[in-house]
Amino acid sequence: MPTQTPTEPNRPMEPAAPPKIHRVEVEWHAVTYKTVIIYGLLLAAIILAGMFIAFPSLYSAVTRKLSTAIASNDGENSSVTQTQA
């Protein structure tokens, strides 16, 4: 009875695998100025709406000041334009 351990059959030597190179792939997306402006306006509208809900008295004071400034400014502009040639 043989007591030798079985050996694996001869396999051809495999070539050494080249080292893996981890490449970073960058995907570019074109964004137009129109898209940037729309998103900016949308963000501003959301922020203003949130502030309006949180501080309604602030907005009423600001609109009151703007309306009085526009009303008083209209009278000045009409007299200045009438005196100019």
N, C-alpha and C. Protein backbone atom coordinates (compact mmCIF):
# COMPACT_ATOMS: atom_id res chain seq x y z
N MET A 1 0.82 -1.17 0.00
CA MET A 1 0.00 0.00 0.00
C MET A 1 0.87 1.24 0.00
N PRO A 2 0.61 2.08 -0.97
CA PRO A 2 1.42 3.30 -0.99
C PRO A 2 0.91 4.30 0.05
N THR A 3 1.82 5.00 0.67
CA THR A 3 1.46 6.00 1.68
C THR A 3 1.71 7.43 1.21
N GLN A 4 1.97 7.58 -0.05
CA GLN A 4 2.22 8.92 -0.57
C GLN A 4 0.92 9.70 -0.69
N THR A 5 1.04 11.00 -0.47
CA THR A 5 -0.14 11.85 -0.62
C THR A 5 -0.32 12.15 -2.10
N PRO A 6 -1.55 12.21 -2.54
CA PRO A 6 -1.78 12.48 -3.95
C PRO A 6 -1.31 13.90 -4.31
N THR A 7 -0.78 14.05 -5.44
CA THR A 7 -0.33 15.36 -5.92
C THR A 7 -1.29 15.85 -6.99
N GLU A 8 -1.32 17.17 -7.10
CA GLU A 8 -2.20 17.74 -8.12
C GLU A 8 -1.56 17.56 -9.48
N PRO A 9 -2.39 17.43 -10.49
CA PRO A 9 -1.80 17.28 -11.83
C PRO A 9 -1.07 18.56 -12.23
N ASN A 10 -0.13 18.40 -13.08
CA ASN A 10 0.65 19.56 -13.52
C ASN A 10 -0.22 20.52 -14.32
N ARG A 11 -0.26 21.76 -13.87
CA ARG A 11 -1.00 22.80 -14.59
C ARG A 11 0.00 23.74 -15.22
N PRO A 12 -0.33 24.23 -16.37
CA PRO A 12 0.60 25.20 -16.96
C PRO A 12 0.59 26.48 -16.12
N MET A 13 1.71 27.11 -16.02
CA MET A 13 1.82 28.32 -15.21
C MET A 13 1.07 29.46 -15.89
N GLU A 14 0.22 30.11 -15.11
CA GLU A 14 -0.55 31.22 -15.63
C GLU A 14 0.30 32.47 -15.60
N PRO A 15 0.15 33.31 -16.61
CA PRO A 15 0.93 34.55 -16.58
C PRO A 15 0.44 35.44 -15.43
N ALA A 16 1.33 36.21 -14.89
CA ALA A 16 0.97 37.08 -13.77
C ALA A 16 -0.04 38.12 -14.25
N ALA A 17 -1.07 38.31 -13.46
CA ALA A 17 -2.12 39.26 -13.84
C ALA A 17 -1.55 40.68 -13.71
N PRO A 18 -1.85 41.55 -14.69
CA PRO A 18 -1.36 42.92 -14.58
C PRO A 18 -2.05 43.62 -13.40
N PRO A 19 -1.37 44.55 -12.78
CA PRO A 19 -1.99 45.22 -11.64
C PRO A 19 -3.22 46.00 -12.08
N LYS A 20 -4.24 45.98 -11.24
CA LYS A 20 -5.48 46.67 -11.59
C LYS A 20 -5.28 48.17 -11.44
N ILE A 21 -5.69 48.87 -12.44
CA ILE A 21 -5.62 50.32 -12.40
C ILE A 21 -7.03 50.83 -12.18
N HIS A 22 -7.20 51.57 -11.10
CA HIS A 22 -8.52 52.13 -10.80
C HIS A 22 -8.62 53.48 -11.47
N ARG A 23 -9.46 53.56 -12.46
CA ARG A 23 -9.63 54.80 -13.21
C ARG A 23 -10.84 55.55 -12.69
N VAL A 24 -10.70 56.84 -12.65
CA VAL A 24 -11.81 57.69 -12.24
C VAL A 24 -12.47 58.21 -13.50
N GLU A 25 -13.74 57.95 -13.64
CA GLU A 25 -14.47 58.43 -14.80
C GLU A 25 -15.32 59.61 -14.39
N VAL A 26 -15.18 60.71 -15.13
CA VAL A 26 -15.92 61.92 -14.84
C VAL A 26 -16.94 62.12 -15.95
N GLU A 27 -18.19 62.25 -15.54
CA GLU A 27 -19.24 62.51 -16.51
C GLU A 27 -19.60 63.99 -16.43
N TRP A 28 -19.59 64.65 -17.56
CA TRP A 28 -19.88 66.07 -17.61
C TRP A 28 -21.32 66.29 -18.04
N HIS A 29 -21.95 67.26 -17.42
CA HIS A 29 -23.31 67.63 -17.80
C HIS A 29 -23.32 69.11 -18.11
N ALA A 30 -23.85 69.45 -19.25
CA ALA A 30 -23.95 70.85 -19.62
C ALA A 30 -25.18 71.47 -18.98
N VAL A 31 -24.99 72.64 -18.37
CA VAL A 31 -26.09 73.36 -17.73
C VAL A 31 -26.14 74.74 -18.36
N THR A 32 -27.31 75.11 -18.84
CA THR A 32 -27.45 76.41 -19.49
C THR A 32 -27.69 77.50 -18.45
N TYR A 33 -27.44 78.75 -18.86
CA TYR A 33 -27.69 79.87 -17.98
C TYR A 33 -29.17 79.96 -17.64
N LYS A 34 -30.01 79.62 -18.59
CA LYS A 34 -31.45 79.65 -18.37
C LYS A 34 -31.84 78.73 -17.21
N THR A 35 -31.26 77.54 -17.17
CA THR A 35 -31.55 76.59 -16.11
C THR A 35 -31.08 77.12 -14.76
N VAL A 36 -29.90 77.73 -14.74
CA VAL A 36 -29.37 78.28 -13.49
C VAL A 36 -30.26 79.40 -12.98
N ILE A 37 -30.71 80.28 -13.87
CA ILE A 37 -31.58 81.39 -13.49
C ILE A 37 -32.92 80.87 -12.98
N ILE A 38 -33.48 79.88 -13.66
CA ILE A 38 -34.78 79.32 -13.23
C ILE A 38 -34.66 78.70 -11.85
N TYR A 39 -33.61 77.92 -11.62
CA TYR A 39 -33.43 77.31 -10.30
C TYR A 39 -33.18 78.38 -9.23
N GLY A 40 -32.45 79.43 -9.58
CA GLY A 40 -32.22 80.51 -8.62
C GLY A 40 -33.51 81.22 -8.25
N LEU A 41 -34.33 81.52 -9.25
CA LEU A 41 -35.61 82.17 -8.98
C LEU A 41 -36.55 81.27 -8.18
N LEU A 42 -36.53 79.99 -8.49
CA LEU A 42 -37.35 79.04 -7.75
C LEU A 42 -36.92 78.96 -6.28
N LEU A 43 -35.62 78.94 -6.05
CA LEU A 43 -35.10 78.91 -4.69
C LEU A 43 -35.46 80.19 -3.94
N ALA A 44 -35.33 81.34 -4.61
CA ALA A 44 -35.69 82.61 -3.97
C ALA A 44 -37.18 82.66 -3.64
N ALA A 45 -38.02 82.15 -4.53
CA ALA A 45 -39.46 82.14 -4.28
C ALA A 45 -39.80 81.24 -3.09
N ILE A 46 -39.14 80.11 -2.98
CA ILE A 46 -39.39 79.21 -1.85
C ILE A 46 -38.96 79.86 -0.54
N ILE A 47 -37.80 80.54 -0.56
CA ILE A 47 -37.33 81.20 0.66
C ILE A 47 -38.27 82.34 1.04
N LEU A 48 -38.68 83.15 0.07
CA LEU A 48 -39.59 84.25 0.36
C LEU A 48 -40.94 83.75 0.86
N ALA A 49 -41.44 82.69 0.29
CA ALA A 49 -42.72 82.12 0.74
C ALA A 49 -42.59 81.61 2.18
N GLY A 50 -41.47 80.98 2.49
CA GLY A 50 -41.26 80.50 3.86
C GLY A 50 -41.16 81.64 4.85
N MET A 51 -40.48 82.73 4.43
CA MET A 51 -40.39 83.89 5.33
C MET A 51 -41.75 84.57 5.48
N PHE A 52 -42.55 84.57 4.42
CA PHE A 52 -43.88 85.17 4.50
C PHE A 52 -44.75 84.40 5.49
N ILE A 53 -44.62 83.09 5.47
CA ILE A 53 -45.41 82.27 6.40
C ILE A 53 -44.91 82.48 7.83
N ALA A 54 -43.59 82.61 8.01
CA ALA A 54 -43.03 82.74 9.35
C ALA A 54 -43.21 84.14 9.92
N PHE A 55 -43.05 85.19 9.07
CA PHE A 55 -43.10 86.58 9.54
C PHE A 55 -44.06 87.40 8.68
N PRO A 56 -45.36 87.22 8.80
CA PRO A 56 -46.29 87.98 7.94
C PRO A 56 -46.31 89.48 8.26
N SER A 57 -46.05 89.86 9.49
CA SER A 57 -46.07 91.29 9.85
C SER A 57 -44.92 92.04 9.18
N LEU A 58 -43.80 91.38 9.00
CA LEU A 58 -42.66 92.00 8.32
C LEU A 58 -43.02 92.34 6.88
N TYR A 59 -43.69 91.44 6.22
CA TYR A 59 -44.06 91.67 4.82
C TYR A 59 -45.11 92.76 4.68
N SER A 60 -46.04 92.83 5.62
CA SER A 60 -47.04 93.89 5.54
C SER A 60 -46.39 95.25 5.75
N ALA A 61 -45.40 95.34 6.64
CA ALA A 61 -44.69 96.61 6.86
C ALA A 61 -43.89 97.00 5.62
N VAL A 62 -43.24 96.04 5.00
CA VAL A 62 -42.43 96.33 3.81
C VAL A 62 -43.33 96.76 2.65
N THR A 63 -44.43 96.08 2.44
CA THR A 63 -45.33 96.46 1.34
C THR A 63 -45.96 97.83 1.59
N ARG A 64 -46.23 98.14 2.85
CA ARG A 64 -46.78 99.46 3.18
C ARG A 64 -45.76 100.56 2.87
N LYS A 65 -44.49 100.33 3.23
CA LYS A 65 -43.45 101.31 2.95
C LYS A 65 -43.24 101.48 1.45
N LEU A 66 -43.25 100.37 0.72
CA LEU A 66 -43.08 100.45 -0.74
C LEU A 66 -44.23 101.19 -1.40
N SER A 67 -45.44 100.93 -0.96
CA SER A 67 -46.59 101.59 -1.59
C SER A 67 -46.57 103.09 -1.30
N THR A 68 -46.19 103.49 -0.08
CA THR A 68 -46.12 104.93 0.21
C THR A 68 -44.97 105.58 -0.54
N ALA A 69 -43.86 104.87 -0.72
CA ALA A 69 -42.73 105.43 -1.46
C ALA A 69 -43.08 105.60 -2.93
N ILE A 70 -43.80 104.65 -3.49
CA ILE A 70 -44.19 104.75 -4.90
C ILE A 70 -45.22 105.86 -5.08
N ALA A 71 -46.16 105.98 -4.14
CA ALA A 71 -47.19 107.01 -4.23
C ALA A 71 -46.59 108.41 -4.12
N SER A 72 -45.64 108.61 -3.21
CA SER A 72 -45.03 109.93 -3.07
C SER A 72 -44.07 110.21 -4.21
N ASN A 73 -43.47 109.19 -4.76
CA ASN A 73 -42.52 109.36 -5.87
C ASN A 73 -43.24 109.73 -7.16
N ASP A 74 -44.46 109.30 -7.36
CA ASP A 74 -45.22 109.63 -8.56
C ASP A 74 -45.48 111.13 -8.65
N GLY A 75 -45.76 111.79 -7.54
CA GLY A 75 -46.02 113.22 -7.54
C GLY A 75 -44.77 114.01 -7.89
N GLU A 76 -43.62 113.57 -7.43
CA GLU A 76 -42.38 114.28 -7.73
C GLU A 76 -42.01 114.14 -9.19
N ASN A 77 -42.18 112.95 -9.76
CA ASN A 77 -41.80 112.72 -11.14
C ASN A 77 -42.65 113.53 -12.10
N SER A 78 -43.93 113.70 -11.79
CA SER A 78 -44.79 114.44 -12.72
C SER A 78 -44.42 115.92 -12.72
N SER A 79 -44.07 116.50 -11.58
CA SER A 79 -43.71 117.93 -11.55
C SER A 79 -42.35 118.15 -12.20
N VAL A 80 -41.43 117.24 -12.07
CA VAL A 80 -40.11 117.39 -12.67
C VAL A 80 -40.22 117.29 -14.18
N THR A 81 -41.00 116.36 -14.68
CA THR A 81 -41.12 116.19 -16.12
C THR A 81 -41.87 117.36 -16.76
N GLN A 82 -42.74 118.02 -16.04
CA GLN A 82 -43.48 119.16 -16.60
C GLN A 82 -42.59 120.39 -16.73
N THR A 83 -41.59 120.52 -15.85
CA THR A 83 -40.74 121.69 -15.89
C THR A 83 -39.58 121.54 -16.86
N GLN A 84 -39.29 120.33 -17.25
CA GLN A 84 -38.15 120.11 -18.16
C GLN A 84 -38.62 120.33 -19.60
N ALA A 85 -37.65 120.79 -20.40
CA ALA A 85 -37.97 121.03 -21.81
C ALA A 85 -37.92 119.78 -22.61
